């Protein structure tokens, strides 16, 4: 199950520096982490999860395979992108292919790096990007509304549901609010997702700060944090320059470098985890002598859906899942001791998988 997060931003905010640091980090860790450059602007990185290595040690696994996410370095945005300015059409098409959007916002002053607006204002930058996405959504919905209205009047039930969602979305967008705020129930969710609205995607604001502000942020990043809360979005503070330097250092030197800056871990790790959480994802594990592996599923997924991430045959022929909680697996020392202690449960089709579950599926072929 692959998930893509698009990285967007105005020129000279650190977007490409951040993306390059992400991909260099993954490439440097290729011996331990799966990495590939799918296209020139797409990098696949591992979701950091120390639990996996504890399980692999207990299971004496030969290979360790973390969960993965893709980051897409999307063409730079300019005002008027929704009308095709700059690389507008390509920009919008690339965003539609992503599951979530990371807005890189410049939160540092540097006279050597000219801002496109000649003024450093992260909130104004965020509003430029969001306005272009809202305008694109408005145009998309207005184009399809008449056709839906005709079908709805002819008694098409699906068209009626979609039309109601379109009208709710248009009302919010015309009021300057993202489609993320559209109220809908579970039965409407599929129809809403089929609208493919850019502003309905989960959003993460990435505050690119100077080195001295990487540990605790600064006045500009604090403003973004408040802005993110008001816009139902995530936020992470990171220094792209630090990450760029860190990506080129061996592990031991990198740890020393972080310590000298008062940082516990790489900002990219926090960014990846934040993106993972933002998408409503969680992890379950499989453990064996050949490999220990982290598998990505949505929060709330039931056991058959989790099995289907490994192979569609597992979901179709699902019988049951042997399930051991992560803490029990580690505390007791593996699958056999967990079974002996009565901590290995057989769960059926209605079991909602919990984050950290160690699972073994039984299925019919």
Protein backbone atom coordinates (compact mmCIF):
# COMPACT_ATOMS: atom_id res chain seq x y z
CA UNK A 1 0.00 0.00 0.00
CA UNK A 2 1.75 3.16 -1.21
CA UNK A 3 1.05 6.65 0.07
CA UNK A 4 2.23 9.86 -1.53
CA UNK A 5 2.76 13.22 0.12
CA UNK A 6 3.27 16.17 -2.19
CA UNK A 7 5.76 18.85 -1.14
CA UNK A 8 4.64 22.30 -2.31
CA UNK A 9 5.77 25.84 -1.73
CA UNK A 10 6.71 29.15 -3.29
CA UNK A 11 10.20 29.68 -4.74
CA UNK A 12 13.10 30.02 -2.27
CA UNK A 13 11.33 28.60 0.78
CA UNK A 14 13.57 25.50 1.04
CA UNK A 15 11.26 23.02 -0.68
CA UNK A 16 13.89 21.43 -2.91
CA UNK A 17 16.50 21.47 -0.15
CA UNK A 18 14.11 19.55 2.05
CA UNK A 19 13.22 17.05 -0.66
CA UNK A 20 16.89 16.51 -1.54
CA UNK A 21 17.68 15.88 2.14
CA UNK A 22 14.86 13.34 2.30
CA UNK A 23 16.09 11.42 -0.70
CA UNK A 24 19.77 11.63 0.26
CA UNK A 25 18.94 10.27 3.71
CA UNK A 26 17.10 7.34 2.17
CA UNK A 27 19.89 6.67 -0.32
CA UNK A 28 22.53 6.77 2.42
CA UNK A 29 20.57 4.17 4.40
CA UNK A 30 19.95 1.91 1.40
CA UNK A 31 21.70 -1.02 3.10
CA UNK A 32 19.05 -1.05 5.82
CA UNK A 33 16.09 0.77 4.33
CA UNK A 34 14.30 0.25 1.02
CA UNK A 35 14.72 3.27 -1.23
CA UNK A 36 14.15 4.01 -4.87
CA UNK A 37 13.82 7.07 -7.04
CA UNK A 38 10.67 6.27 -8.97
CA UNK A 39 10.89 9.42 -11.11
CA UNK A 40 13.28 12.38 -10.94
CA UNK A 41 10.94 14.13 -8.48
CA UNK A 42 9.69 11.20 -6.39
CA UNK A 43 11.56 9.67 -3.47
CA UNK A 44 10.49 6.69 -1.40
CA UNK A 45 11.54 6.78 2.26
CA UNK A 46 11.14 4.55 5.29
CA UNK A 47 8.80 5.32 8.17
CA UNK A 48 11.05 5.33 11.26
CA UNK A 49 9.82 2.79 13.82
CA UNK A 50 12.26 1.40 16.42
CA UNK A 51 9.73 -1.30 17.35
CA UNK A 52 10.51 -3.15 14.14
CA UNK A 53 14.15 -3.69 15.10
CA UNK A 54 13.22 -5.06 18.51
CA UNK A 55 10.94 -7.58 16.81
CA UNK A 56 13.61 -8.50 14.25
CA UNK A 57 16.13 -9.11 17.02
CA UNK A 58 13.75 -11.41 18.87
CA UNK A 59 12.72 -13.18 15.67
CA UNK A 60 16.35 -13.48 14.51
CA UNK A 61 15.23 -12.14 11.14
CA UNK A 62 17.67 -11.96 8.25
CA UNK A 63 15.96 -8.95 6.65
CA UNK A 64 14.24 -5.92 8.14
CA UNK A 65 11.69 -4.10 5.96
CA UNK A 66 10.15 -0.86 7.29
CA UNK A 67 6.92 0.68 6.05
CA UNK A 68 7.37 3.16 3.22
CA UNK A 69 6.04 6.52 2.07
CA UNK A 70 6.62 8.47 -1.12
CA UNK A 71 7.37 12.19 -1.18
CA UNK A 72 6.77 14.10 -4.41
CA UNK A 73 8.68 17.30 -5.14
CA UNK A 74 5.95 19.18 -6.97
CA UNK A 75 6.77 21.93 -9.48
CA UNK A 76 7.01 25.35 -7.85
CA UNK A 77 3.82 27.32 -7.56
CA UNK A 78 3.22 30.91 -8.63
CA UNK A 79 0.21 33.14 -8.19
CA UNK A 80 -2.26 32.32 -10.95
CA UNK A 81 -1.44 28.60 -11.04
CA UNK A 82 -5.16 27.78 -10.99
CA UNK A 83 -5.43 29.64 -14.32
CA UNK A 84 -2.43 27.86 -15.80
CA UNK A 85 0.26 30.41 -14.90
CA UNK A 86 3.80 29.06 -14.66
CA UNK A 87 3.57 25.27 -14.44
CA UNK A 88 0.07 25.59 -13.04
CA UNK A 89 -1.63 22.73 -14.87
CA UNK A 90 1.21 20.33 -14.10
CA UNK A 91 1.28 21.56 -10.51
CA UNK A 92 -2.42 20.88 -9.97
CA UNK A 93 -2.30 17.50 -11.72
CA UNK A 94 0.59 16.39 -9.52
CA UNK A 95 -1.27 17.38 -6.35
CA UNK A 96 -4.32 15.39 -7.42
CA UNK A 97 -2.17 12.27 -7.49
CA UNK A 98 -1.06 12.75 -3.86
CA UNK A 99 -2.79 11.60 -0.69
CA UNK A 100 -1.76 14.65 1.34
CA UNK A 101 0.08 17.95 0.92
CA UNK A 102 3.05 19.34 2.84
CA UNK A 103 3.26 23.14 2.58
CA UNK A 104 6.89 24.23 3.07
CA UNK A 105 6.83 27.71 4.59
CA UNK A 106 9.85 29.92 5.00
CA UNK A 107 10.25 30.88 8.64
CA UNK A 108 13.74 32.37 8.55
CA UNK A 109 15.38 35.64 7.52
CA UNK A 110 18.36 35.55 5.16
CA UNK A 111 19.43 38.52 3.08
CA UNK A 112 21.24 36.20 0.68
CA UNK A 113 18.05 34.32 -0.19
CA UNK A 114 15.55 36.60 -1.89
CA UNK A 115 11.89 35.95 -1.19
CA UNK A 116 9.61 35.98 -4.22
CA UNK A 117 7.45 38.65 -2.52
CA UNK A 118 10.47 40.54 -1.11
CA UNK A 119 9.09 39.90 2.37
CA UNK A 120 9.24 36.84 4.63
CA UNK A 121 5.66 36.09 5.67
CA UNK A 122 4.85 32.36 6.05
CA UNK A 123 1.13 32.94 6.55
CA UNK A 124 0.89 34.97 3.36
CA UNK A 125 2.78 32.21 1.53
CA UNK A 126 0.34 29.60 2.86
CA UNK A 127 -2.61 31.71 1.75
CA UNK A 128 -1.21 32.06 -1.79
CA UNK A 129 -0.96 28.27 -2.15
CA UNK A 130 -4.34 27.60 -0.57
CA UNK A 131 -6.07 30.31 -2.62
CA UNK A 132 -4.83 28.74 -5.86
CA UNK A 133 -6.06 25.32 -4.75
CA UNK A 134 -9.44 26.76 -3.73
CA UNK A 135 -9.82 28.53 -7.08
CA UNK A 136 -9.04 25.29 -8.91
CA UNK A 137 -11.63 23.44 -6.80
CA UNK A 138 -14.24 26.13 -7.41
CA UNK A 139 -13.74 25.93 -11.17
CA UNK A 140 -13.90 22.13 -11.12
CA UNK A 141 -17.15 22.04 -9.13
CA UNK A 142 -18.87 24.81 -11.06
CA UNK A 143 -18.15 23.00 -14.33
CA UNK A 144 -19.79 19.79 -13.21
CA UNK A 145 -22.71 21.22 -11.23
CA UNK A 146 -25.17 21.73 -14.13
CA UNK A 147 -24.76 18.16 -15.36
CA UNK A 148 -25.32 16.79 -11.86
CA UNK A 149 -28.41 18.96 -11.37
CA UNK A 150 -29.98 17.59 -14.57
CA UNK A 151 -29.34 14.01 -13.52
CA UNK A 152 -30.64 14.67 -10.01
CA UNK A 153 -33.90 16.10 -11.41
CA UNK A 154 -34.28 12.93 -13.48
CA UNK A 155 -34.21 10.89 -10.27
CA UNK A 156 -30.57 9.74 -10.25
CA UNK A 157 -29.93 9.00 -6.56
CA UNK A 158 -26.13 9.05 -6.85
CA UNK A 159 -26.29 12.40 -8.64
CA UNK A 160 -28.46 13.81 -5.83
CA UNK A 161 -25.91 12.77 -3.21
CA UNK A 162 -23.03 14.20 -5.23
CA UNK A 163 -24.91 17.43 -5.96
CA UNK A 164 -25.50 18.01 -2.25
CA UNK A 165 -21.80 17.51 -1.60
CA UNK A 166 -20.90 19.87 -4.44
CA UNK A 167 -23.18 22.58 -3.04
CA UNK A 168 -21.77 22.17 0.46
CA UNK A 169 -18.26 22.37 -0.93
CA UNK A 170 -18.99 25.42 -3.06
CA UNK A 171 -20.47 27.28 -0.08
CA UNK A 172 -17.29 26.74 1.95
CA UNK A 173 -14.89 27.51 -0.88
CA UNK A 174 -16.71 30.74 -1.73
CA UNK A 175 -16.32 31.66 1.92
CA UNK A 176 -12.56 31.13 1.67
CA UNK A 177 -12.50 27.79 3.50
CA UNK A 178 -10.96 24.51 2.42
CA UNK A 179 -13.09 21.52 1.42
CA UNK A 180 -11.55 19.63 4.37
CA UNK A 181 -14.26 21.28 6.46
CA UNK A 182 -17.17 19.87 4.44
CA UNK A 183 -19.46 17.98 6.82
CA UNK A 184 -20.42 14.54 5.54
CA UNK A 185 -21.41 11.17 6.92
CA UNK A 186 -19.83 7.79 6.27
CA UNK A 187 -22.28 6.99 3.47
CA UNK A 188 -21.24 10.13 1.60
CA UNK A 189 -17.49 9.70 1.98
CA UNK A 190 -16.94 7.69 -1.21
CA UNK A 191 -18.84 10.21 -3.34
CA UNK A 192 -16.94 13.06 -1.69
CA UNK A 193 -13.55 11.48 -2.42
CA UNK A 194 -14.58 10.99 -6.05
CA UNK A 195 -14.85 14.79 -6.37
CA UNK A 196 -11.02 14.83 -6.11
CA UNK A 197 -10.93 18.22 -4.47
CA UNK A 198 -7.43 19.56 -3.87
CA UNK A 199 -8.36 21.33 -0.63
CA UNK A 200 -9.98 18.20 0.79
CA UNK A 201 -6.58 16.53 1.14
CA UNK A 202 -4.95 16.40 4.59
CA UNK A 203 -2.45 19.24 4.96
CA UNK A 204 0.81 19.55 6.88
CA UNK A 205 2.59 22.88 7.35
CA UNK A 206 6.37 22.47 7.40
CA UNK A 207 8.05 25.43 9.09
CA UNK A 208 11.54 25.75 7.61
CA UNK A 209 13.50 27.60 10.30
CA UNK A 210 17.13 28.64 10.78
CA UNK A 211 19.58 26.36 12.60
CA UNK A 212 19.23 28.17 15.92
CA UNK A 213 15.44 27.72 15.93
CA UNK A 214 15.36 24.04 15.00
CA UNK A 215 14.91 22.83 18.60
CA UNK A 216 12.12 25.13 19.75
CA UNK A 217 10.93 27.12 16.75
CA UNK A 218 10.67 30.90 16.48
CA UNK A 219 8.07 33.66 16.37
CA UNK A 220 7.16 32.90 12.75
CA UNK A 221 6.74 29.16 13.33
CA UNK A 222 4.53 29.90 16.35
CA UNK A 223 2.23 31.90 14.08
CA UNK A 224 2.08 28.96 11.67
CA UNK A 225 1.23 26.58 14.54
CA UNK A 226 -1.80 28.71 15.42
CA UNK A 227 -2.73 28.97 11.74
CA UNK A 228 -2.53 25.20 11.34
CA UNK A 229 -4.90 24.60 14.25
CA UNK A 230 -7.44 26.96 12.70
CA UNK A 231 -7.14 25.17 9.34
CA UNK A 232 -7.42 21.59 10.62
CA UNK A 233 -3.85 20.84 9.55
CA UNK A 234 -0.71 19.33 11.04
CA UNK A 235 2.51 21.24 11.67
CA UNK A 236 6.19 20.38 12.07
CA UNK A 237 9.23 22.59 12.67
CA UNK A 238 12.36 21.63 10.75
CA UNK A 239 15.57 23.19 9.44
CA UNK A 240 16.11 22.07 5.86
CA UNK A 241 19.72 23.27 6.08
CA UNK A 242 20.42 21.05 9.10
CA UNK A 243 18.76 18.09 7.40
CA UNK A 244 20.82 18.71 4.27
CA UNK A 245 24.04 18.61 6.31
CA UNK A 246 22.88 15.63 8.35
CA UNK A 247 22.04 13.56 5.27
CA UNK A 248 25.70 13.64 4.25
CA UNK A 249 27.12 12.46 7.57
CA UNK A 250 27.71 8.90 8.85
CA UNK A 251 25.34 7.81 11.64
CA UNK A 252 27.78 8.43 14.51
CA UNK A 253 28.81 11.87 13.28
CA UNK A 254 25.18 12.70 12.57
CA UNK A 255 24.21 11.84 16.16
CA UNK A 256 27.00 14.08 17.49
CA UNK A 257 25.92 16.89 15.17
CA UNK A 258 22.32 16.66 16.39
CA UNK A 259 23.44 16.64 20.02
CA UNK A 260 25.54 19.77 19.45
CA UNK A 261 22.38 21.50 18.22
CA UNK A 262 20.27 20.31 21.16
CA UNK A 263 18.18 17.97 19.00
CA UNK A 264 17.12 14.42 19.94
CA UNK A 265 16.53 13.18 16.40
CA UNK A 266 16.52 14.23 12.77
CA UNK A 267 13.70 16.54 11.82
CA UNK A 268 12.99 14.36 8.81
CA UNK A 269 11.99 11.52 11.14
CA UNK A 270 9.42 13.79 12.75
CA UNK A 271 8.24 14.94 9.33
CA UNK A 272 7.74 11.38 8.11
CA UNK A 273 5.91 10.32 11.29
CA UNK A 274 3.74 13.44 11.19
CA UNK A 275 2.82 12.70 7.58
CA UNK A 276 2.04 9.10 8.49
CA UNK A 277 -0.25 10.18 11.33
CA UNK A 278 -1.85 12.87 9.20
CA UNK A 279 -2.95 10.27 6.68
CA UNK A 280 -4.61 8.24 9.44
CA UNK A 281 -2.20 5.35 9.07
CA UNK A 282 -0.89 2.78 11.49
CA UNK A 283 1.43 -0.21 11.45
CA UNK A 284 1.17 -3.92 12.11
CA UNK A 285 4.08 -6.36 11.91
CA UNK A 286 4.93 -9.80 10.61
CA UNK A 287 7.94 -11.53 12.16
CA UNK A 288 9.87 -14.59 11.03
CA UNK A 289 13.38 -15.90 10.45
CA UNK A 290 13.46 -14.65 6.84
CA UNK A 291 12.21 -11.16 7.58
CA UNK A 292 10.50 -8.82 9.99
CA UNK A 293 8.29 -6.33 8.20
CA UNK A 294 6.12 -3.33 8.98
CA UNK A 295 2.87 -3.09 7.03
CA UNK A 296 0.86 0.09 6.57
CA UNK A 297 -2.91 0.13 7.03
CA UNK A 298 -5.55 2.72 7.85
CA UNK A 299 -6.62 3.17 11.44
CA UNK A 300 -9.84 1.22 11.89
CA UNK A 301 -9.04 -1.44 9.28
CA UNK A 302 -10.23 -4.94 10.10
CA UNK A 303 -8.10 -8.08 9.91
CA UNK A 304 -9.06 -9.13 6.34
CA UNK A 305 -8.14 -5.68 4.98
CA UNK A 306 -4.83 -5.85 6.82
CA UNK A 307 -4.17 -9.26 5.29
CA UNK A 308 -4.97 -7.85 1.86
CA UNK A 309 -2.05 -5.44 2.10
CA UNK A 310 0.27 -8.44 1.89
CA UNK A 311 -1.65 -10.07 -0.99
CA UNK A 312 -5.21 -9.84 -2.27
CA UNK A 313 -5.52 -13.64 -1.93
CA UNK A 314 -5.02 -13.26 1.84
CA UNK A 315 -8.06 -11.01 2.06
CA UNK A 316 -10.28 -13.06 -0.24
CA UNK A 317 -9.52 -16.33 1.54
CA UNK A 318 -9.15 -14.93 5.07
CA UNK A 319 -9.93 -17.45 7.84
CA UNK A 320 -8.38 -15.97 10.97
CA UNK A 321 -5.36 -14.05 12.25
CA UNK A 322 -3.09 -15.08 15.08
CA UNK A 323 -2.50 -11.80 16.89
CA UNK A 324 0.02 -10.86 19.58
CA UNK A 325 0.27 -7.36 21.03
CA UNK A 326 3.68 -5.75 20.51
CA UNK A 327 4.35 -5.38 24.25
CA UNK A 328 3.50 -9.03 24.90
CA UNK A 329 5.71 -10.22 22.03
CA UNK A 330 8.70 -8.22 23.31
CA UNK A 331 8.19 -8.79 27.04
CA UNK A 332 7.67 -12.54 26.68
CA UNK A 333 10.40 -12.99 24.08
CA UNK A 334 8.64 -14.05 20.91
CA UNK A 335 5.78 -16.04 19.38
CA UNK A 336 6.27 -19.36 21.20
CA UNK A 337 6.50 -17.87 24.74
CA UNK A 338 3.51 -15.63 23.92
CA UNK A 339 1.49 -18.69 22.91
CA UNK A 340 2.50 -20.52 26.08
CA UNK A 341 1.41 -17.52 28.15
CA UNK A 342 -1.97 -17.38 26.39
CA UNK A 343 -1.19 -14.04 24.75
CA UNK A 344 -1.56 -15.24 21.15
CA UNK A 345 -5.19 -14.70 20.14
CA UNK A 346 -7.08 -16.04 17.13
CA UNK A 347 -9.04 -13.11 15.73
CA UNK A 348 -11.77 -13.25 13.07
CA UNK A 349 -13.07 -11.04 10.30
CA UNK A 350 -14.50 -8.36 12.57
CA UNK A 351 -11.30 -7.76 14.52
CA UNK A 352 -10.11 -4.14 14.27
CA UNK A 353 -6.33 -4.24 14.00
CA UNK A 354 -4.41 -2.26 16.63
CA UNK A 355 -1.22 -0.35 16.04
CA UNK A 356 1.75 -2.61 16.78
CA UNK A 357 -0.06 -5.94 16.46
CA UNK A 358 2.16 -8.84 15.41
CA UNK A 359 0.06 -10.95 13.05
CA UNK A 360 0.11 -14.30 11.26
CA UNK A 361 -2.73 -14.95 8.81
CA UNK A 362 -4.43 -18.21 7.93
CA UNK A 363 -6.32 -18.24 4.64
CA UNK A 364 -7.75 -20.44 1.88
CA UNK A 365 -6.15 -20.22 -1.54
